[in-house]
Amino acid sequence: MGDVNSRIYASKEELINYEDISRAPARLRWMQLTSSVFELTAGEHSFGSLQFQGSRAIGTAADGKWNFDLGGFLQKRIKIRELKTLRDVGSIALGGADAGVLVDPGGSARLSTLVWSQRQRAWTSEYDWLIRFQPGGESSADLFKFQYDVELDNSIRNLRELSLLILIGWYALALTRRNR
């Protein structure tokens, strides 16, 4: 499967029952557990994880498990595959005219009112952010860990794709940092 951390975490992950993201508080935190594993938490509650394997990652939440893969040379695009069914569910371009738009495999926009903004570190509507990622850390020990707070606007709570959007946003941010 990969390095020792990946094998340890994969066996641990099977025991984790992630909580429903729609019941999460308005502020969550992505915490770095190892160099390749991150967990989405709020206090003692766990809502998901992202485990890197090179430039690929597996994102897990209560409502699903997805594989994220960065492809393309001049036009970078994140490809998204649902692991339970092994079907492609969409992609998102990180540059170009359609940058930030989540599209289905046929190329149609899945959520036409939401756009990922790498510069703003947020999923935005035409008026304001709906899911925002802010650098976070509570102590001097946290300074050397890559972690962000995630803020959720109440209007997005019942969106079916909420977990997927949070995982994609974190994948894009973490991948950018890993490729520096």
N, C-alpha and C. Protein backbone atom coordinates (compact mmCIF):
# COMPACT_ATOMS: atom_id res chain seq x y z
N MET A 1 0.81 -1.19 0.00
CA MET A 1 0.00 0.00 0.00
C MET A 1 0.85 1.26 0.00
N GLY A 2 2.04 1.24 0.46
CA GLY A 2 2.85 2.45 0.52
C GLY A 2 3.75 2.40 1.73
N ASP A 3 4.03 3.57 2.28
CA ASP A 3 4.92 3.63 3.43
C ASP A 3 4.23 3.11 4.70
N VAL A 4 5.02 2.98 5.75
CA VAL A 4 4.53 2.44 7.01
C VAL A 4 3.37 3.28 7.55
N ASN A 5 3.49 4.62 7.51
CA ASN A 5 2.42 5.48 8.00
C ASN A 5 1.11 5.21 7.28
N SER A 6 1.18 5.00 5.97
CA SER A 6 -0.04 4.73 5.19
C SER A 6 -0.67 3.43 5.64
N ARG A 7 0.13 2.39 5.86
CA ARG A 7 -0.42 1.09 6.27
C ARG A 7 -1.02 1.18 7.67
N ILE A 8 -0.34 1.87 8.58
CA ILE A 8 -0.87 2.03 9.94
C ILE A 8 -2.17 2.80 9.91
N TYR A 9 -2.18 3.90 9.18
CA TYR A 9 -3.38 4.73 9.14
C TYR A 9 -4.53 4.01 8.44
N ALA A 10 -4.24 3.27 7.37
CA ALA A 10 -5.31 2.56 6.66
C ALA A 10 -6.00 1.56 7.58
N SER A 11 -5.23 0.85 8.40
CA SER A 11 -5.87 -0.10 9.30
C SER A 11 -6.65 0.64 10.40
N LYS A 12 -6.13 1.79 10.87
CA LYS A 12 -6.83 2.58 11.87
C LYS A 12 -8.11 3.17 11.27
N GLU A 13 -8.03 3.61 10.01
CA GLU A 13 -9.16 4.28 9.37
C GLU A 13 -10.38 3.37 9.28
N GLU A 14 -10.17 2.10 9.10
CA GLU A 14 -11.30 1.17 9.01
C GLU A 14 -12.12 1.15 10.29
N LEU A 15 -11.52 1.54 11.42
CA LEU A 15 -12.21 1.54 12.70
C LEU A 15 -12.91 2.87 12.98
N ILE A 16 -12.59 3.91 12.20
CA ILE A 16 -13.15 5.23 12.46
C ILE A 16 -14.54 5.33 11.84
N ASN A 17 -15.49 5.79 12.63
CA ASN A 17 -16.80 6.13 12.12
C ASN A 17 -16.88 7.64 12.11
N TYR A 18 -16.73 8.23 10.94
CA TYR A 18 -16.77 9.68 10.85
C TYR A 18 -18.19 10.18 11.08
N GLU A 19 -18.28 11.34 11.68
CA GLU A 19 -19.59 11.94 11.95
C GLU A 19 -20.09 12.68 10.71
N ASP A 20 -21.38 12.85 10.62
CA ASP A 20 -22.03 13.53 9.51
C ASP A 20 -21.62 15.00 9.49
N ILE A 21 -21.06 15.45 8.38
CA ILE A 21 -20.55 16.81 8.27
C ILE A 21 -21.66 17.85 8.38
N SER A 22 -22.88 17.50 8.02
CA SER A 22 -23.97 18.48 8.10
C SER A 22 -24.31 18.84 9.55
N ARG A 23 -23.85 18.01 10.51
CA ARG A 23 -24.08 18.29 11.93
C ARG A 23 -22.86 18.91 12.61
N ALA A 24 -21.86 19.23 11.83
CA ALA A 24 -20.62 19.80 12.38
C ALA A 24 -20.83 21.25 12.81
N PRO A 25 -20.00 21.72 13.73
CA PRO A 25 -20.06 23.14 14.08
C PRO A 25 -19.60 24.00 12.89
N ALA A 26 -19.76 25.30 13.00
CA ALA A 26 -19.42 26.21 11.90
C ALA A 26 -17.91 26.28 11.66
N ARG A 27 -17.09 25.86 12.63
CA ARG A 27 -15.63 25.90 12.48
C ARG A 27 -15.06 24.51 12.74
N LEU A 28 -14.33 24.02 11.76
CA LEU A 28 -13.64 22.73 11.85
C LEU A 28 -12.15 22.98 11.67
N ARG A 29 -11.33 21.95 11.83
CA ARG A 29 -9.90 22.11 11.63
C ARG A 29 -9.32 20.89 10.91
N TRP A 30 -8.55 21.18 9.85
CA TRP A 30 -7.73 20.15 9.23
C TRP A 30 -6.43 20.09 10.01
N MET A 31 -6.12 18.91 10.57
CA MET A 31 -4.90 18.73 11.35
C MET A 31 -4.00 17.72 10.66
N GLN A 32 -2.70 18.01 10.66
CA GLN A 32 -1.72 17.11 10.08
C GLN A 32 -1.34 16.07 11.12
N LEU A 33 -1.60 14.78 10.82
CA LEU A 33 -1.25 13.70 11.73
C LEU A 33 0.15 13.17 11.44
N THR A 34 0.44 12.99 10.15
CA THR A 34 1.78 12.57 9.70
C THR A 34 2.09 13.43 8.47
N SER A 35 3.21 13.17 7.83
CA SER A 35 3.55 13.96 6.64
C SER A 35 2.56 13.77 5.51
N SER A 36 1.80 12.67 5.53
CA SER A 36 0.88 12.39 4.42
C SER A 36 -0.58 12.22 4.84
N VAL A 37 -0.89 12.37 6.12
CA VAL A 37 -2.25 12.11 6.60
C VAL A 37 -2.78 13.33 7.35
N PHE A 38 -4.00 13.73 7.00
CA PHE A 38 -4.68 14.85 7.63
C PHE A 38 -6.05 14.39 8.11
N GLU A 39 -6.52 15.01 9.20
CA GLU A 39 -7.84 14.66 9.73
C GLU A 39 -8.65 15.93 9.96
N LEU A 40 -9.93 15.89 9.60
CA LEU A 40 -10.86 17.00 9.79
C LEU A 40 -11.57 16.80 11.11
N THR A 41 -11.37 17.73 12.05
CA THR A 41 -11.91 17.55 13.40
C THR A 41 -12.59 18.82 13.91
N ALA A 42 -13.33 18.64 14.96
CA ALA A 42 -13.87 19.73 15.77
C ALA A 42 -13.88 19.19 17.19
N GLY A 43 -12.96 19.66 18.02
CA GLY A 43 -12.82 19.11 19.36
C GLY A 43 -12.46 17.64 19.29
N GLU A 44 -13.24 16.81 19.96
CA GLU A 44 -13.00 15.36 19.97
C GLU A 44 -13.70 14.64 18.83
N HIS A 45 -14.39 15.37 17.97
CA HIS A 45 -15.18 14.77 16.90
C HIS A 45 -14.39 14.75 15.60
N SER A 46 -14.50 13.64 14.86
CA SER A 46 -13.80 13.48 13.59
C SER A 46 -14.81 13.42 12.45
N PHE A 47 -14.55 14.22 11.39
CA PHE A 47 -15.50 14.32 10.28
C PHE A 47 -14.93 13.83 8.96
N GLY A 48 -13.64 13.54 8.89
CA GLY A 48 -13.08 13.05 7.65
C GLY A 48 -11.56 13.00 7.70
N SER A 49 -10.98 12.49 6.61
CA SER A 49 -9.53 12.41 6.51
C SER A 49 -9.10 12.52 5.05
N LEU A 50 -7.84 12.87 4.87
CA LEU A 50 -7.23 12.91 3.55
C LEU A 50 -5.85 12.29 3.70
N GLN A 51 -5.59 11.26 2.91
CA GLN A 51 -4.33 10.53 2.98
C GLN A 51 -3.65 10.60 1.61
N PHE A 52 -2.47 11.24 1.57
CA PHE A 52 -1.72 11.40 0.33
C PHE A 52 -0.89 10.17 0.03
N GLN A 53 -0.80 9.88 -1.26
CA GLN A 53 0.09 8.86 -1.81
C GLN A 53 0.71 9.49 -3.04
N GLY A 54 1.82 10.24 -2.86
CA GLY A 54 2.38 11.04 -3.94
C GLY A 54 1.48 12.22 -4.20
N SER A 55 1.10 12.43 -5.48
CA SER A 55 0.19 13.53 -5.80
C SER A 55 -1.27 13.09 -5.75
N ARG A 56 -1.49 11.82 -5.50
CA ARG A 56 -2.86 11.31 -5.33
C ARG A 56 -3.22 11.33 -3.87
N ALA A 57 -4.53 11.33 -3.61
CA ALA A 57 -4.99 11.27 -2.22
C ALA A 57 -6.33 10.54 -2.16
N ILE A 58 -6.58 9.96 -0.99
CA ILE A 58 -7.87 9.34 -0.72
C ILE A 58 -8.54 10.17 0.36
N GLY A 59 -9.72 10.68 0.05
CA GLY A 59 -10.50 11.47 0.99
C GLY A 59 -11.66 10.63 1.49
N THR A 60 -11.86 10.64 2.81
CA THR A 60 -12.90 9.82 3.43
C THR A 60 -13.75 10.68 4.35
N ALA A 61 -15.06 10.48 4.28
CA ALA A 61 -16.01 11.15 5.15
C ALA A 61 -17.14 10.16 5.44
N ALA A 62 -18.09 10.55 6.28
CA ALA A 62 -19.19 9.64 6.64
C ALA A 62 -19.99 9.21 5.42
N ASP A 63 -20.10 10.09 4.43
CA ASP A 63 -20.94 9.78 3.27
C ASP A 63 -20.19 9.29 2.05
N GLY A 64 -18.90 8.99 2.16
CA GLY A 64 -18.21 8.45 1.01
C GLY A 64 -16.70 8.47 1.12
N LYS A 65 -16.10 7.88 0.08
CA LYS A 65 -14.65 7.79 -0.02
C LYS A 65 -14.29 8.04 -1.47
N TRP A 66 -13.37 8.99 -1.69
CA TRP A 66 -13.03 9.39 -3.04
C TRP A 66 -11.52 9.38 -3.25
N ASN A 67 -11.13 9.16 -4.50
CA ASN A 67 -9.74 9.26 -4.91
C ASN A 67 -9.59 10.58 -5.67
N PHE A 68 -8.57 11.36 -5.32
CA PHE A 68 -8.27 12.60 -6.01
C PHE A 68 -6.92 12.44 -6.69
N ASP A 69 -6.86 12.85 -7.96
CA ASP A 69 -5.64 12.71 -8.73
C ASP A 69 -5.44 13.96 -9.57
N LEU A 70 -4.27 14.56 -9.46
CA LEU A 70 -3.96 15.75 -10.24
C LEU A 70 -3.40 15.32 -11.58
N GLY A 71 -4.02 15.78 -12.65
CA GLY A 71 -3.58 15.44 -14.00
C GLY A 71 -3.39 16.69 -14.83
N GLY A 72 -2.85 16.49 -16.03
CA GLY A 72 -2.66 17.61 -16.95
C GLY A 72 -1.27 18.19 -16.85
N PHE A 73 -0.84 18.81 -17.93
CA PHE A 73 0.47 19.43 -17.95
C PHE A 73 0.34 20.95 -17.89
N LEU A 74 -0.24 21.55 -18.90
CA LEU A 74 -0.45 22.99 -18.89
C LEU A 74 -1.74 23.36 -18.16
N GLN A 75 -2.74 22.55 -18.32
CA GLN A 75 -4.04 22.77 -17.66
C GLN A 75 -4.19 21.74 -16.55
N LYS A 76 -3.82 22.08 -15.34
CA LYS A 76 -3.94 21.16 -14.20
C LYS A 76 -5.42 20.94 -13.86
N ARG A 77 -5.79 19.68 -13.61
CA ARG A 77 -7.16 19.33 -13.30
C ARG A 77 -7.16 18.23 -12.25
N ILE A 78 -8.01 18.40 -11.23
CA ILE A 78 -8.17 17.36 -10.22
C ILE A 78 -9.29 16.43 -10.69
N LYS A 79 -8.96 15.16 -10.83
CA LYS A 79 -9.95 14.15 -11.22
C LYS A 79 -10.46 13.47 -9.95
N ILE A 80 -11.77 13.24 -9.90
CA ILE A 80 -12.41 12.70 -8.70
C ILE A 80 -13.10 11.39 -9.04
N ARG A 81 -12.77 10.36 -8.27
CA ARG A 81 -13.37 9.04 -8.47
C ARG A 81 -13.93 8.53 -7.15
N GLU A 82 -15.17 8.07 -7.17
CA GLU A 82 -15.78 7.48 -5.98
C GLU A 82 -15.24 6.06 -5.84
N LEU A 83 -14.69 5.74 -4.68
CA LEU A 83 -14.03 4.45 -4.51
C LEU A 83 -15.01 3.28 -4.34
N LYS A 84 -16.19 3.54 -3.78
CA LYS A 84 -17.15 2.46 -3.56
C LYS A 84 -17.62 1.86 -4.89
N THR A 85 -17.88 2.74 -5.86
CA THR A 85 -18.40 2.28 -7.16
C THR A 85 -17.33 2.27 -8.25
N LEU A 86 -16.16 2.83 -7.97
CA LEU A 86 -15.07 2.97 -8.93
C LEU A 86 -15.49 3.74 -10.18
N ARG A 87 -16.37 4.71 -10.00
CA ARG A 87 -16.79 5.53 -11.14
C ARG A 87 -16.27 6.95 -10.98
N ASP A 88 -15.95 7.56 -12.12
CA ASP A 88 -15.54 8.96 -12.11
C ASP A 88 -16.76 9.81 -11.80
N VAL A 89 -16.61 10.74 -10.87
CA VAL A 89 -17.74 11.59 -10.50
C VAL A 89 -17.54 13.04 -10.92
N GLY A 90 -16.35 13.40 -11.35
CA GLY A 90 -16.14 14.76 -11.80
C GLY A 90 -14.69 15.17 -11.78
N SER A 91 -14.50 16.45 -12.07
CA SER A 91 -13.16 17.03 -12.04
C SER A 91 -13.29 18.53 -11.83
N ILE A 92 -12.15 19.12 -11.51
CA ILE A 92 -12.12 20.57 -11.31
C ILE A 92 -10.80 21.10 -11.86
N ALA A 93 -10.88 22.10 -12.73
CA ALA A 93 -9.69 22.70 -13.31
C ALA A 93 -9.10 23.70 -12.34
N LEU A 94 -7.77 23.74 -12.26
CA LEU A 94 -7.11 24.69 -11.37
C LEU A 94 -6.60 25.92 -12.12
N GLY A 95 -6.88 25.99 -13.40
CA GLY A 95 -6.50 27.14 -14.20
C GLY A 95 -7.32 27.18 -15.47
N GLY A 96 -7.23 28.26 -16.22
CA GLY A 96 -7.96 28.39 -17.47
C GLY A 96 -9.34 29.00 -17.29
N ALA A 97 -10.12 28.98 -18.36
CA ALA A 97 -11.43 29.63 -18.37
C ALA A 97 -12.42 28.99 -17.41
N ASP A 98 -12.33 27.66 -17.22
CA ASP A 98 -13.28 26.98 -16.33
C ASP A 98 -12.67 26.67 -14.97
N ALA A 99 -11.66 27.42 -14.56
CA ALA A 99 -10.97 27.18 -13.29
C ALA A 99 -11.95 27.25 -12.12
N GLY A 100 -11.87 26.25 -11.25
CA GLY A 100 -12.65 26.25 -10.03
C GLY A 100 -14.05 25.70 -10.14
N VAL A 101 -14.50 25.33 -11.33
CA VAL A 101 -15.85 24.82 -11.51
C VAL A 101 -15.83 23.29 -11.44
N LEU A 102 -16.61 22.73 -10.53
CA LEU A 102 -16.74 21.28 -10.40
C LEU A 102 -17.65 20.78 -11.51
N VAL A 103 -17.11 19.93 -12.38
CA VAL A 103 -17.89 19.42 -13.50
C VAL A 103 -18.05 17.91 -13.39
N ASP A 104 -19.15 17.40 -13.96
CA ASP A 104 -19.36 15.95 -13.98
C ASP A 104 -18.52 15.36 -15.11
N PRO A 105 -18.46 14.02 -15.25
CA PRO A 105 -17.63 13.42 -16.30
C PRO A 105 -17.99 13.87 -17.71
N GLY A 106 -19.22 14.31 -17.93
CA GLY A 106 -19.63 14.79 -19.25
C GLY A 106 -19.25 16.23 -19.52
N GLY A 107 -18.72 16.94 -18.52
CA GLY A 107 -18.28 18.31 -18.69
C GLY A 107 -19.29 19.36 -18.25
N SER A 108 -20.45 18.94 -17.75
CA SER A 108 -21.46 19.90 -17.27
C SER A 108 -21.16 20.30 -15.83
N ALA A 109 -21.41 21.57 -15.51
CA ALA A 109 -21.19 22.05 -14.14
C ALA A 109 -22.14 21.36 -13.18
N ARG A 110 -21.62 20.79 -12.09
CA ARG A 110 -22.45 20.12 -11.09
C ARG A 110 -23.09 21.12 -10.14
N LEU A 111 -22.35 22.13 -9.78
CA LEU A 111 -22.83 23.15 -8.84
C LEU A 111 -22.51 24.51 -9.47
N SER A 112 -23.36 24.95 -10.36
CA SER A 112 -23.04 26.12 -11.17
C SER A 112 -22.86 27.40 -10.35
N THR A 113 -23.36 27.44 -9.13
CA THR A 113 -23.23 28.67 -8.34
C THR A 113 -22.00 28.68 -7.44
N LEU A 114 -21.27 27.56 -7.37
CA LEU A 114 -20.07 27.49 -6.52
C LEU A 114 -18.80 27.39 -7.35
N VAL A 115 -17.78 28.13 -6.96
CA VAL A 115 -16.50 28.10 -7.66
C VAL A 115 -15.39 28.03 -6.62
N TRP A 116 -14.38 27.17 -6.87
CA TRP A 116 -13.21 27.10 -6.00
C TRP A 116 -12.24 28.20 -6.38
N SER A 117 -11.82 28.98 -5.39
CA SER A 117 -10.84 30.04 -5.60
C SER A 117 -9.59 29.70 -4.81
N GLN A 118 -8.53 29.32 -5.50
CA GLN A 118 -7.28 28.96 -4.84
C GLN A 118 -6.70 30.20 -4.14
N ARG A 119 -6.81 31.36 -4.77
CA ARG A 119 -6.28 32.59 -4.20
C ARG A 119 -7.00 32.95 -2.90
N GLN A 120 -8.34 32.80 -2.89
CA GLN A 120 -9.11 33.13 -1.68
C GLN A 120 -9.17 31.97 -0.69
N ARG A 121 -8.72 30.78 -1.12
CA ARG A 121 -8.79 29.56 -0.29
C ARG A 121 -10.23 29.32 0.17
N ALA A 122 -11.16 29.35 -0.81
CA ALA A 122 -12.57 29.22 -0.44
C ALA A 122 -13.41 28.73 -1.62
N TRP A 123 -14.52 28.09 -1.29
CA TRP A 123 -15.59 27.84 -2.25
C TRP A 123 -16.47 29.07 -2.15
N THR A 124 -16.73 29.72 -3.27
CA THR A 124 -17.48 30.98 -3.25
C THR A 124 -18.72 30.90 -4.14
N SER A 125 -19.70 31.72 -3.80
CA SER A 125 -20.84 31.95 -4.68
C SER A 125 -20.57 33.29 -5.35
N GLU A 126 -21.51 33.79 -6.11
CA GLU A 126 -21.26 35.08 -6.75
C GLU A 126 -21.21 36.22 -5.75
N TYR A 127 -21.68 36.00 -4.54
CA TYR A 127 -21.73 37.07 -3.55
C TYR A 127 -20.67 36.95 -2.45
N ASP A 128 -20.38 35.76 -1.97
CA ASP A 128 -19.49 35.63 -0.82
C ASP A 128 -19.00 34.19 -0.71
N TRP A 129 -18.10 33.93 0.25
CA TRP A 129 -17.60 32.58 0.50
C TRP A 129 -18.69 31.75 1.17
N LEU A 130 -18.64 30.43 0.94
CA LEU A 130 -19.54 29.49 1.60
C LEU A 130 -18.77 28.48 2.43
N ILE A 131 -17.57 28.13 1.97
CA ILE A 131 -16.64 27.28 2.72
C ILE A 131 -15.28 27.97 2.61
N ARG A 132 -14.72 28.34 3.75
CA ARG A 132 -13.47 29.11 3.73
C ARG A 132 -12.41 28.39 4.55
N PHE A 133 -11.18 28.39 4.05
CA PHE A 133 -10.03 27.77 4.72
C PHE A 133 -9.10 28.88 5.19
N GLN A 134 -8.80 28.88 6.51
CA GLN A 134 -7.93 29.90 7.09
C GLN A 134 -6.78 29.22 7.84
N PRO A 135 -5.53 29.72 7.68
CA PRO A 135 -4.43 29.12 8.43
C PRO A 135 -4.74 29.12 9.92
N GLY A 136 -4.41 28.02 10.61
CA GLY A 136 -4.72 27.92 12.03
C GLY A 136 -3.62 27.25 12.82
N GLY A 137 -3.65 27.44 14.10
CA GLY A 137 -2.69 26.85 15.01
C GLY A 137 -2.91 27.42 16.39
N GLU A 138 -2.88 26.58 17.39
CA GLU A 138 -3.19 27.03 18.75
C GLU A 138 -1.97 27.21 19.64
N SER A 139 -0.86 26.57 19.28
CA SER A 139 0.31 26.66 20.16
C SER A 139 1.58 26.73 19.32
N SER A 140 2.70 26.97 19.98
CA SER A 140 3.97 27.03 19.25
C SER A 140 4.31 25.69 18.63
N ALA A 141 3.85 24.59 19.20
CA ALA A 141 4.09 23.27 18.62
C ALA A 141 3.36 23.12 17.29
N ASP A 142 2.26 23.86 17.10
CA ASP A 142 1.50 23.79 15.86
C ASP A 142 2.16 24.53 14.71
N LEU A 143 3.16 25.36 15.00
CA LEU A 143 3.78 26.17 13.95
C LEU A 143 4.41 25.34 12.85
N PHE A 144 4.84 24.13 13.15
CA PHE A 144 5.51 23.30 12.17
C PHE A 144 4.58 22.30 11.50
N LYS A 145 3.31 22.38 11.82
CA LYS A 145 2.32 21.50 11.20
C LYS A 145 1.49 22.32 10.22
N PHE A 146 1.09 21.68 9.14
CA PHE A 146 0.25 22.33 8.14
C PHE A 146 -1.20 22.08 8.54
N GLN A 147 -1.86 23.11 9.03
CA GLN A 147 -3.26 22.94 9.43
C GLN A 147 -4.03 24.22 9.16
N TYR A 148 -5.29 24.03 8.87
CA TYR A 148 -6.18 25.15 8.55
C TYR A 148 -7.50 24.97 9.27
N ASP A 149 -8.12 26.10 9.61
CA ASP A 149 -9.49 26.09 10.09
C ASP A 149 -10.40 26.14 8.87
N VAL A 150 -11.53 25.48 8.96
CA VAL A 150 -12.52 25.48 7.89
C VAL A 150 -13.79 26.11 8.46
N GLU A 151 -14.25 27.16 7.82
CA GLU A 151 -15.47 27.83 8.25
C GLU A 151 -16.58 27.50 7.26
N LEU A 152 -17.74 27.14 7.79
CA LEU A 152 -18.90 26.79 6.96
C LEU A 152 -20.00 27.82 7.13
N ASP A 153 -20.49 28.33 6.02
CA ASP A 153 -21.64 29.22 6.07
C ASP A 153 -22.88 28.34 6.29
N ASN A 154 -23.81 28.80 7.11
CA ASN A 154 -25.02 28.00 7.41
C ASN A 154 -25.83 27.65 6.18
N SER A 155 -25.78 28.46 5.14
CA SER A 155 -26.59 28.20 3.94
C SER A 155 -26.16 26.96 3.18
N ILE A 156 -24.99 26.42 3.47
CA ILE A 156 -24.47 25.28 2.72
C ILE A 156 -24.61 23.96 3.47
N ARG A 157 -25.08 23.99 4.68
CA ARG A 157 -25.15 22.82 5.56
C ARG A 157 -25.83 21.59 4.94
N ASN A 158 -26.89 21.78 4.20
CA ASN A 158 -27.64 20.64 3.67
C ASN A 158 -27.24 20.25 2.25
N LEU A 159 -26.16 20.83 1.75
CA LEU A 159 -25.70 20.50 0.41
C LEU A 159 -25.16 19.06 0.39
N ARG A 160 -25.66 18.26 -0.52
CA ARG A 160 -25.28 16.85 -0.59
C ARG A 160 -23.77 16.67 -0.79
N GLU A 161 -23.14 17.57 -1.52
CA GLU A 161 -21.71 17.47 -1.84
C GLU A 161 -20.81 18.15 -0.82
N LEU A 162 -21.32 18.52 0.35
CA LEU A 162 -20.54 19.29 1.32
C LEU A 162 -19.22 18.60 1.69
N SER A 163 -19.27 17.33 2.04
CA SER A 163 -18.04 16.60 2.41
C SER A 163 -17.06 16.60 1.26
N LEU A 164 -17.54 16.32 0.07
CA LEU A 164 -16.68 16.28 -1.11
C LEU A 164 -16.02 17.63 -1.36
N LEU A 165 -16.77 18.72 -1.23
CA LEU A 165 -16.20 20.06 -1.45
C LEU A 165 -15.11 20.38 -0.43
N ILE A 166 -15.32 20.01 0.83
CA ILE A 166 -14.31 20.26 1.86
C ILE A 166 -13.05 19.44 1.57
N LEU A 167 -13.23 18.20 1.16
CA LEU A 167 -12.08 17.35 0.84
C LEU A 167 -11.33 17.86 -0.39
N ILE A 168 -12.04 18.27 -1.44
CA ILE A 168 -11.38 18.80 -2.65
C ILE A 168 -10.61 20.07 -2.32
N GLY A 169 -11.23 20.97 -1.57
CA GLY A 169 -10.55 22.22 -1.21
C GLY A 169 -9.26 21.95 -0.44
N TRP A 170 -9.32 21.03 0.51
CA TRP A 170 -8.12 20.71 1.29
C TRP A 170 -7.07 20.02 0.42
N TYR A 171 -7.50 19.14 -0.46
CA TYR A 171 -6.56 18.48 -1.38
C TYR A 171 -5.82 19.53 -2.21
N ALA A 172 -6.56 20.49 -2.78
CA ALA A 172 -5.94 21.53 -3.61
C ALA A 172 -4.93 22.36 -2.81
N LEU A 173 -5.30 22.75 -1.60
CA LEU A 173 -4.39 23.55 -0.76
C LEU A 173 -3.17 22.74 -0.32
N ALA A 174 -3.40 21.54 0.15
CA ALA A 174 -2.29 20.70 0.63
C ALA A 174 -1.36 20.32 -0.51
N LEU A 175 -1.91 20.04 -1.68
CA LEU A 175 -1.08 19.67 -2.83
C LEU A 175 -0.20 20.84 -3.25
N THR A 176 -0.73 22.03 -3.23
CA THR A 176 0.06 23.22 -3.56
C THR A 176 1.23 23.36 -2.60
N ARG A 177 0.98 23.16 -1.33
CA ARG A 177 2.05 23.26 -0.33
C ARG A 177 3.09 22.15 -0.50
N ARG A 178 2.62 20.94 -0.78
CA ARG A 178 3.53 19.79 -0.92
C ARG A 178 4.43 19.94 -2.15
N ASN A 179 3.95 20.67 -3.18
CA ASN A 179 4.71 20.81 -4.42
C ASN A 179 5.64 22.01 -4.42
N ARG A 180 5.77 22.69 -3.30
CA ARG A 180 6.69 23.86 -3.23
C ARG A 180 8.11 23.43 -3.27
